[in-house]
Amino acid sequence: MNTEKMNQTMHELCAALSEGAGASWISVNDRLPPFDAYVLLHNGRWTGIGCLASGDHFEASERWQDEQGEFIEHLGPAVTHWMQMPLKPGTANRERLTAAARDVLAERTRQVSEEGWTPAHDDQHSAGEMARAASQYALNAAVPLRTGKRFMPAFWPWDPAWWKPTTPRRDLIKAGALILAEIERLDRAHASNEGNRAPIEGDHDGEH
């Protein structure tokens, strides 16, 4: 599928999802999305996921960034419309969450669907890698590395290409999603260990 066809399909899919979720495209001239929150973006030629970055160090043309931190307006036309990420069926309770909580959950969903960081993938990182990665993003939000992306934090567990700091809020969202992933991994490991534990005489549910 060529890029033009892919973008058209993506735009049509977003429109269908938004109709079912009661959402709609919003002109950037009418209202802007919250800073550093992933939303759906459209510029007349491209439709995808990105955010409006905060931070005084960004030029006006660098505010709109895609999932990889690339400046959208350096790659094509200016962003014209945006839309909240549509909720999946059965996730209406997320509407009661704060924007921060929704953004962390959305990032966790993105990590699974876009990056392929499925539970099976995460289970391979059993040495605390996700907790260490989360700690580095959280620390960078408080004390940013002045030297930029080329220099790795001391305890970054993976290849340097995966270190993608942007803004303090966005870094904390990534940290929160990684913490969720690590907690989920620990829960699965615990459940697996419990399931494999040999029964002990007198060890029954409800007995203490």
C-alpha atoms as a PDB file:
ATOM      1  CA  MET A   1       0.000   0.000   0.000  1.00  0.00           C
ATOM      2  CA  ASN A   2       1.493   3.356  -0.992  1.00  0.00           C
ATOM      3  CA  THR A   3       1.776   6.264   1.433  1.00  0.00           C
ATOM      4  CA  GLU A   4      -1.098   8.260  -0.078  1.00  0.00           C
ATOM      5  CA  LYS A   5      -3.458   5.282   0.074  1.00  0.00           C
ATOM      6  CA  MET A   6      -2.321   4.472   3.625  1.00  0.00           C
ATOM      7  CA  ASN A   7      -2.999   8.021   4.777  1.00  0.00           C
ATOM      8  CA  GLN A   8      -6.437   7.976   3.138  1.00  0.00           C
ATOM      9  CA  THR A   9      -7.265   4.692   4.850  1.00  0.00           C
ATOM     10  CA  MET A  10      -6.032   6.048   8.179  1.00  0.00           C
ATOM     11  CA  HIS A  11      -8.168   9.174   7.792  1.00  0.00           C
ATOM     12  CA  GLU A  12     -11.261   7.106   6.947  1.00  0.00           C
ATOM     13  CA  LEU A  13     -10.630   4.811   9.902  1.00  0.00           C
ATOM     14  CA  CYS A  14     -10.269   7.762  12.258  1.00  0.00           C
ATOM     15  CA  ALA A  15     -13.503   9.253  10.935  1.00  0.00           C
ATOM     16  CA  ALA A  16     -15.346   5.965  11.503  1.00  0.00           C
ATOM     17  CA  LEU A  17     -13.945   5.592  15.016  1.00  0.00           C
ATOM     18  CA  SER A  18     -14.757   9.179  15.898  1.00  0.00           C
ATOM     19  CA  GLU A  19     -18.354   8.797  14.762  1.00  0.00           C
ATOM     20  CA  GLY A  20     -18.812   5.806  17.043  1.00  0.00           C
ATOM     21  CA  ALA A  21     -17.120   7.547  19.954  1.00  0.00           C
ATOM     22  CA  GLY A  22     -18.999  10.824  19.568  1.00  0.00           C
ATOM     23  CA  ALA A  23     -15.808  12.699  18.694  1.00  0.00           C
ATOM     24  CA  SER A  24     -15.090  14.920  15.706  1.00  0.00           C
ATOM     25  CA  TRP A  25     -12.242  16.780  14.039  1.00  0.00           C
ATOM     26  CA  ILE A  26     -11.454  20.156  15.618  1.00  0.00           C
ATOM     27  CA  SER A  27      -9.831  22.977  13.699  1.00  0.00           C
ATOM     28  CA  VAL A  28      -6.607  24.272  15.224  1.00  0.00           C
ATOM     29  CA  ASN A  29      -8.014  27.748  14.603  1.00  0.00           C
ATOM     30  CA  ASP A  30     -10.910  26.999  16.953  1.00  0.00           C
ATOM     31  CA  ARG A  31      -9.134  25.153  19.759  1.00  0.00           C
ATOM     32  CA  LEU A  32      -5.799  23.474  20.459  1.00  0.00           C
ATOM     33  CA  PRO A  33      -5.318  20.144  22.252  1.00  0.00           C
ATOM     34  CA  PRO A  34      -3.645  19.933  25.683  1.00  0.00           C
ATOM     35  CA  PHE A  35       0.116  20.196  25.494  1.00  0.00           C
ATOM     36  CA  ASP A  36       2.055  16.909  25.168  1.00  0.00           C
ATOM     37  CA  ALA A  37      -1.089  14.756  24.960  1.00  0.00           C
ATOM     38  CA  TYR A  38      -1.241  12.306  22.067  1.00  0.00           C
ATOM     39  CA  VAL A  39      -4.181  13.008  19.765  1.00  0.00           C
ATOM     40  CA  LEU A  40      -5.088  12.270  16.161  1.00  0.00           C
ATOM     41  CA  LEU A  41      -3.751  14.890  13.757  1.00  0.00           C
ATOM     42  CA  HIS A  42      -4.554  15.788  10.157  1.00  0.00           C
ATOM     43  CA  ASN A  43      -2.911  18.239   7.750  1.00  0.00           C
ATOM     44  CA  GLY A  44      -4.862  17.621   4.553  1.00  0.00           C
ATOM     45  CA  ARG A  45      -2.356  15.035   3.350  1.00  0.00           C
ATOM     46  CA  TRP A  46      -1.395  13.033   6.419  1.00  0.00           C
ATOM     47  CA  THR A  47      -3.407  11.591   9.302  1.00  0.00           C
ATOM     48  CA  GLY A  48      -1.715  10.068  12.309  1.00  0.00           C
ATOM     49  CA  ILE A  49      -0.888  10.299  16.001  1.00  0.00           C
ATOM     50  CA  GLY A  50       1.056  13.190  17.431  1.00  0.00           C
ATOM     51  CA  CYS A  51       1.051  15.958  20.005  1.00  0.00           C
ATOM     52  CA  LEU A  52       1.397  19.702  20.498  1.00  0.00           C
ATOM     53  CA  ALA A  53       4.687  19.959  22.367  1.00  0.00           C
ATOM     54  CA  SER A  54       5.269  22.360  25.228  1.00  0.00           C
ATOM     55  CA  GLY A  55       8.583  23.992  26.008  1.00  0.00           C
ATOM     56  CA  ASP A  56      10.010  27.403  25.191  1.00  0.00           C
ATOM     57  CA  HIS A  57      12.901  25.883  23.238  1.00  0.00           C
ATOM     58  CA  PHE A  58      10.644  24.806  20.352  1.00  0.00           C
ATOM     59  CA  GLU A  59      10.110  27.088  17.367  1.00  0.00           C
ATOM     60  CA  ALA A  60       6.549  27.621  16.127  1.00  0.00           C
ATOM     61  CA  SER A  61       7.112  25.126  13.297  1.00  0.00           C
ATOM     62  CA  GLU A  62       8.371  22.509  15.782  1.00  0.00           C
ATOM     63  CA  ARG A  63       5.340  22.447  18.079  1.00  0.00           C
ATOM     64  CA  TRP A  64       3.487  19.684  16.247  1.00  0.00           C
ATOM     65  CA  GLN A  65       5.378  16.398  16.625  1.00  0.00           C
ATOM     66  CA  ASP A  66       4.617  12.828  15.634  1.00  0.00           C
ATOM     67  CA  GLU A  67       5.122   9.719  17.770  1.00  0.00           C
ATOM     68  CA  GLN A  68       8.830   9.628  16.955  1.00  0.00           C
ATOM     69  CA  GLY A  69       9.369  13.250  17.979  1.00  0.00           C
ATOM     70  CA  GLU A  70       9.715  14.376  14.350  1.00  0.00           C
ATOM     71  CA  PHE A  71       8.522  17.875  13.508  1.00  0.00           C
ATOM     72  CA  ILE A  72       5.427  17.352  11.363  1.00  0.00           C
ATOM     73  CA  GLU A  73       5.566  20.786   9.753  1.00  0.00           C
ATOM     74  CA  HIS A  74       9.147  20.137   8.636  1.00  0.00           C
ATOM     75  CA  LEU A  75       7.920  17.072   6.752  1.00  0.00           C
ATOM     76  CA  GLY A  76       4.761  18.429   5.110  1.00  0.00           C
ATOM     77  CA  PRO A  77       1.870  20.884   5.379  1.00  0.00           C
ATOM     78  CA  ALA A  78       0.882  22.503   8.652  1.00  0.00           C
ATOM     79  CA  VAL A  79      -1.513  20.629  10.946  1.00  0.00           C
ATOM     80  CA  THR A  80      -5.076  21.819  10.372  1.00  0.00           C
ATOM     81  CA  HIS A  81      -7.245  19.555  12.559  1.00  0.00           C
ATOM     82  CA  TRP A  82      -6.992  17.316  15.601  1.00  0.00           C
ATOM     83  CA  MET A  83      -9.220  14.895  17.478  1.00  0.00           C
ATOM     84  CA  GLN A  84      -9.103  13.092  20.816  1.00  0.00           C
ATOM     85  CA  MET A  85      -8.003   9.468  20.588  1.00  0.00           C
ATOM     86  CA  PRO A  86     -11.285   7.505  20.197  1.00  0.00           C
ATOM     87  CA  LEU A  87     -12.106   5.192  23.068  1.00  0.00           C
ATOM     88  CA  LYS A  88     -12.542   1.518  22.372  1.00  0.00           C
ATOM     89  CA  PRO A  89     -15.950  -0.049  23.110  1.00  0.00           C
ATOM     90  CA  GLY A  90     -16.366  -0.711  26.807  1.00  0.00           C
ATOM     91  CA  THR A  91     -13.936   1.995  27.916  1.00  0.00           C
ATOM     92  CA  ALA A  92     -16.483   4.678  28.786  1.00  0.00           C
ATOM     93  CA  ASN A  93     -15.196   4.725  32.371  1.00  0.00           C
ATOM     94  CA  ARG A  94     -12.017   6.356  31.087  1.00  0.00           C
ATOM     95  CA  GLU A  95     -14.020   9.535  30.630  1.00  0.00           C
ATOM     96  CA  ARG A  96     -14.004   9.837  34.437  1.00  0.00           C
ATOM     97  CA  LEU A  97     -10.225   9.820  34.563  1.00  0.00           C
ATOM     98  CA  THR A  98      -8.098  12.931  34.535  1.00  0.00           C
ATOM     99  CA  ALA A  99      -6.372  13.926  31.323  1.00  0.00           C
ATOM    100  CA  ALA A 100      -3.070  12.782  32.826  1.00  0.00           C
ATOM    101  CA  ALA A 101      -4.406   9.306  33.633  1.00  0.00           C
ATOM    102  CA  ARG A 102      -5.983   8.954  30.191  1.00  0.00           C
ATOM    103  CA  ASP A 103      -2.714   9.967  28.544  1.00  0.00           C
ATOM    104  CA  VAL A 104      -0.747   7.351  30.492  1.00  0.00           C
ATOM    105  CA  LEU A 105      -3.265   4.643  29.546  1.00  0.00           C
ATOM    106  CA  ALA A 106      -3.242   5.816  25.935  1.00  0.00           C
ATOM    107  CA  GLU A 107       0.555   5.646  25.882  1.00  0.00           C
ATOM    108  CA  ARG A 108       0.473   2.123  27.310  1.00  0.00           C
ATOM    109  CA  THR A 109      -2.006   1.140  24.592  1.00  0.00           C
ATOM    110  CA  ARG A 110       0.211   2.745  21.958  1.00  0.00           C
ATOM    111  CA  GLN A 111       3.266   0.879  23.210  1.00  0.00           C
ATOM    112  CA  VAL A 112       1.426  -2.407  22.694  1.00  0.00           C
ATOM    113  CA  SER A 113      -0.291  -1.633  19.387  1.00  0.00           C
ATOM    114  CA  GLU A 114       2.346   0.524  17.690  1.00  0.00           C
ATOM    115  CA  GLU A 115       5.646  -0.671  19.169  1.00  0.00           C
ATOM    116  CA  GLY A 116       4.698  -4.323  19.647  1.00  0.00           C
ATOM    117  CA  TRP A 117       5.495  -4.308  23.362  1.00  0.00           C
ATOM    118  CA  THR A 118       2.985  -7.046  24.115  1.00  0.00           C
ATOM    119  CA  PRO A 119       2.819  -8.933  27.433  1.00  0.00           C
ATOM    120  CA  ALA A 120       4.841 -11.749  25.867  1.00  0.00           C
ATOM    121  CA  HIS A 121       7.483  -9.227  24.806  1.00  0.00           C
ATOM    122  CA  ASP A 122       7.525  -7.549  28.216  1.00  0.00           C
ATOM    123  CA  ASP A 123       7.877 -10.881  30.005  1.00  0.00           C
ATOM    124  CA  GLN A 124      11.303 -11.251  28.393  1.00  0.00           C
ATOM    125  CA  HIS A 125      12.495  -8.175  30.312  1.00  0.00           C
ATOM    126  CA  SER A 126      12.523  -9.764  33.756  1.00  0.00           C
ATOM    127  CA  ALA A 127      15.564  -7.959  35.161  1.00  0.00           C
ATOM    128  CA  GLY A 128      13.785  -4.697  35.955  1.00  0.00           C
ATOM    129  CA  GLU A 129      14.521  -3.079  32.606  1.00  0.00           C
ATOM    130  CA  MET A 130      11.130  -1.377  32.321  1.00  0.00           C
ATOM    131  CA  ALA A 131      11.359   0.005  35.857  1.00  0.00           C
ATOM    132  CA  ARG A 132      14.836   1.368  35.102  1.00  0.00           C
ATOM    133  CA  ALA A 133      13.657   2.930  31.840  1.00  0.00           C
ATOM    134  CA  ALA A 134      10.719   4.544  33.658  1.00  0.00           C
ATOM    135  CA  SER A 135      13.054   5.937  36.309  1.00  0.00           C
ATOM    136  CA  GLN A 136      15.264   7.563  33.661  1.00  0.00           C
ATOM    137  CA  TYR A 137      12.334   9.276  31.936  1.00  0.00           C
ATOM    138  CA  ALA A 138      10.995  10.476  35.298  1.00  0.00           C
ATOM    139  CA  LEU A 139      14.408  11.778  36.319  1.00  0.00           C
ATOM    140  CA  ASN A 140      14.871  13.498  32.963  1.00  0.00           C
ATOM    141  CA  ALA A 141      11.536  15.282  33.483  1.00  0.00           C
ATOM    142  CA  ALA A 142      12.922  16.750  36.713  1.00  0.00           C
ATOM    143  CA  VAL A 143      16.524  17.301  35.621  1.00  0.00           C
ATOM    144  CA  PRO A 144      16.741  17.273  31.802  1.00  0.00           C
ATOM    145  CA  LEU A 145      19.985  16.153  30.225  1.00  0.00           C
ATOM    146  CA  ARG A 146      21.383  19.373  28.794  1.00  0.00           C
ATOM    147  CA  THR A 147      23.394  17.390  26.290  1.00  0.00           C
ATOM    148  CA  GLY A 148      20.334  16.079  24.428  1.00  0.00           C
ATOM    149  CA  LYS A 149      19.401  12.702  22.986  1.00  0.00           C
ATOM    150  CA  ARG A 150      22.925  11.704  21.969  1.00  0.00           C
ATOM    151  CA  PHE A 151      23.959  11.107  25.579  1.00  0.00           C
ATOM    152  CA  MET A 152      22.408   8.245  27.504  1.00  0.00           C
ATOM    153  CA  PRO A 153      21.323   8.404  31.150  1.00  0.00           C
ATOM    154  CA  ALA A 154      23.379   6.176  33.404  1.00  0.00           C
ATOM    155  CA  PHE A 155      20.812   3.437  33.940  1.00  0.00           C
ATOM    156  CA  TRP A 156      19.094   3.326  30.535  1.00  0.00           C
ATOM    157  CA  PRO A 157      18.641  -0.422  29.893  1.00  0.00           C
ATOM    158  CA  TRP A 158      18.242  -0.553  26.099  1.00  0.00           C
ATOM    159  CA  ASP A 159      19.796   0.534  22.844  1.00  0.00           C
ATOM    160  CA  PRO A 160      20.383   4.322  22.616  1.00  0.00           C
ATOM    161  CA  ALA A 161      17.947   4.507  19.673  1.00  0.00           C
ATOM    162  CA  TRP A 162      15.083   3.867  22.112  1.00  0.00           C
ATOM    163  CA  TRP A 163      15.945   6.851  24.316  1.00  0.00           C
ATOM    164  CA  LYS A 164      13.497   9.517  23.093  1.00  0.00           C
ATOM    165  CA  PRO A 165      13.064  12.323  25.624  1.00  0.00           C
ATOM    166  CA  THR A 166      10.914  15.295  24.611  1.00  0.00           C
ATOM    167  CA  THR A 167       9.112  17.432  27.197  1.00  0.00           C
ATOM    168  CA  PRO A 168       8.788  16.925  30.975  1.00  0.00           C
ATOM    169  CA  ARG A 169       5.092  16.029  30.746  1.00  0.00           C
ATOM    170  CA  ARG A 170       5.603  13.655  27.834  1.00  0.00           C
ATOM    171  CA  ASP A 171       8.554  12.012  29.585  1.00  0.00           C
ATOM    172  CA  LEU A 172       6.413  11.457  32.691  1.00  0.00           C
ATOM    173  CA  ILE A 173       3.655   9.922  30.553  1.00  0.00           C
ATOM    174  CA  LYS A 174       6.187   7.466  29.125  1.00  0.00           C
ATOM    175  CA  ALA A 175       7.469   6.751  32.637  1.00  0.00           C
ATOM    176  CA  GLY A 176       3.935   6.091  33.887  1.00  0.00           C
ATOM    177  CA  ALA A 177       3.192   3.718  31.010  1.00  0.00           C
ATOM    178  CA  LEU A 178       6.444   1.827  31.592  1.00  0.00           C
ATOM    179  CA  ILE A 179       5.633   1.528  35.306  1.00  0.00           C
ATOM    180  CA  LEU A 180       2.234   0.074  34.406  1.00  0.00           C
ATOM    181  CA  ALA A 181       3.910  -2.399  32.087  1.00  0.00           C
ATOM    182  CA  GLU A 182       6.351  -3.471  34.811  1.00  0.00           C
ATOM    183  CA  ILE A 183       3.578  -3.880  37.406  1.00  0.00           C
ATOM    184  CA  GLU A 184       1.596  -5.974  34.934  1.00  0.00           C
ATOM    185  CA  ARG A 185       4.670  -8.104  34.264  1.00  0.00           C
ATOM    186  CA  LEU A 186       5.205  -8.667  37.997  1.00  0.00           C
ATOM    187  CA  ASP A 187       1.542  -9.622  38.418  1.00  0.00           C
ATOM    188  CA  ARG A 188       1.787 -12.151  35.586  1.00  0.00           C
ATOM    189  CA  ALA A 189       4.982 -13.617  37.018  1.00  0.00           C
ATOM    190  CA  HIS A 190       3.376 -13.912  40.448  1.00  0.00           C
ATOM    191  CA  ALA A 191       0.265 -15.558  38.998  1.00  0.00           C
ATOM    192  CA  SER A 192       2.438 -17.992  37.027  1.00  0.00           C
ATOM    193  CA  ASN A 193       4.478 -18.883  40.096  1.00  0.00           C
ATOM    194  CA  GLU A 194       1.326 -19.418  42.133  1.00  0.00           C
ATOM    195  CA  GLY A 195      -0.100 -21.645  39.414  1.00  0.00           C
ATOM    196  CA  ASN A 196       3.059 -23.725  39.292  1.00  0.00           C
ATOM    197  CA  ARG A 197       3.419 -23.991  43.073  1.00  0.00           C
ATOM    198  CA  ALA A 198       3.068 -27.552  44.309  1.00  0.00           C
ATOM    199  CA  PRO A 199       0.048 -27.940  46.589  1.00  0.00           C
ATOM    200  CA  ILE A 200       0.849 -28.269  50.277  1.00  0.00           C
ATOM    201  CA  GLU A 201      -1.214 -30.441  52.575  1.00  0.00           C
ATOM    202  CA  GLY A 202      -3.770 -28.268  54.352  1.00  0.00           C
ATOM    203  CA  ASP A 203      -3.236 -25.403  51.928  1.00  0.00           C
ATOM    204  CA  HIS A 204      -6.797 -24.662  50.798  1.00  0.00           C
ATOM    205  CA  ASP A 205      -8.631 -21.524  49.796  1.00  0.00           C
ATOM    206  CA  GLY A 206     -10.139 -19.783  52.763  1.00  0.00           C
ATOM    207  CA  GLU A 207      -7.781 -21.346  55.308  1.00  0.00           C
ATOM    208  CA  HIS A 208      -5.259 -19.192  57.200  1.00  0.00           C
END
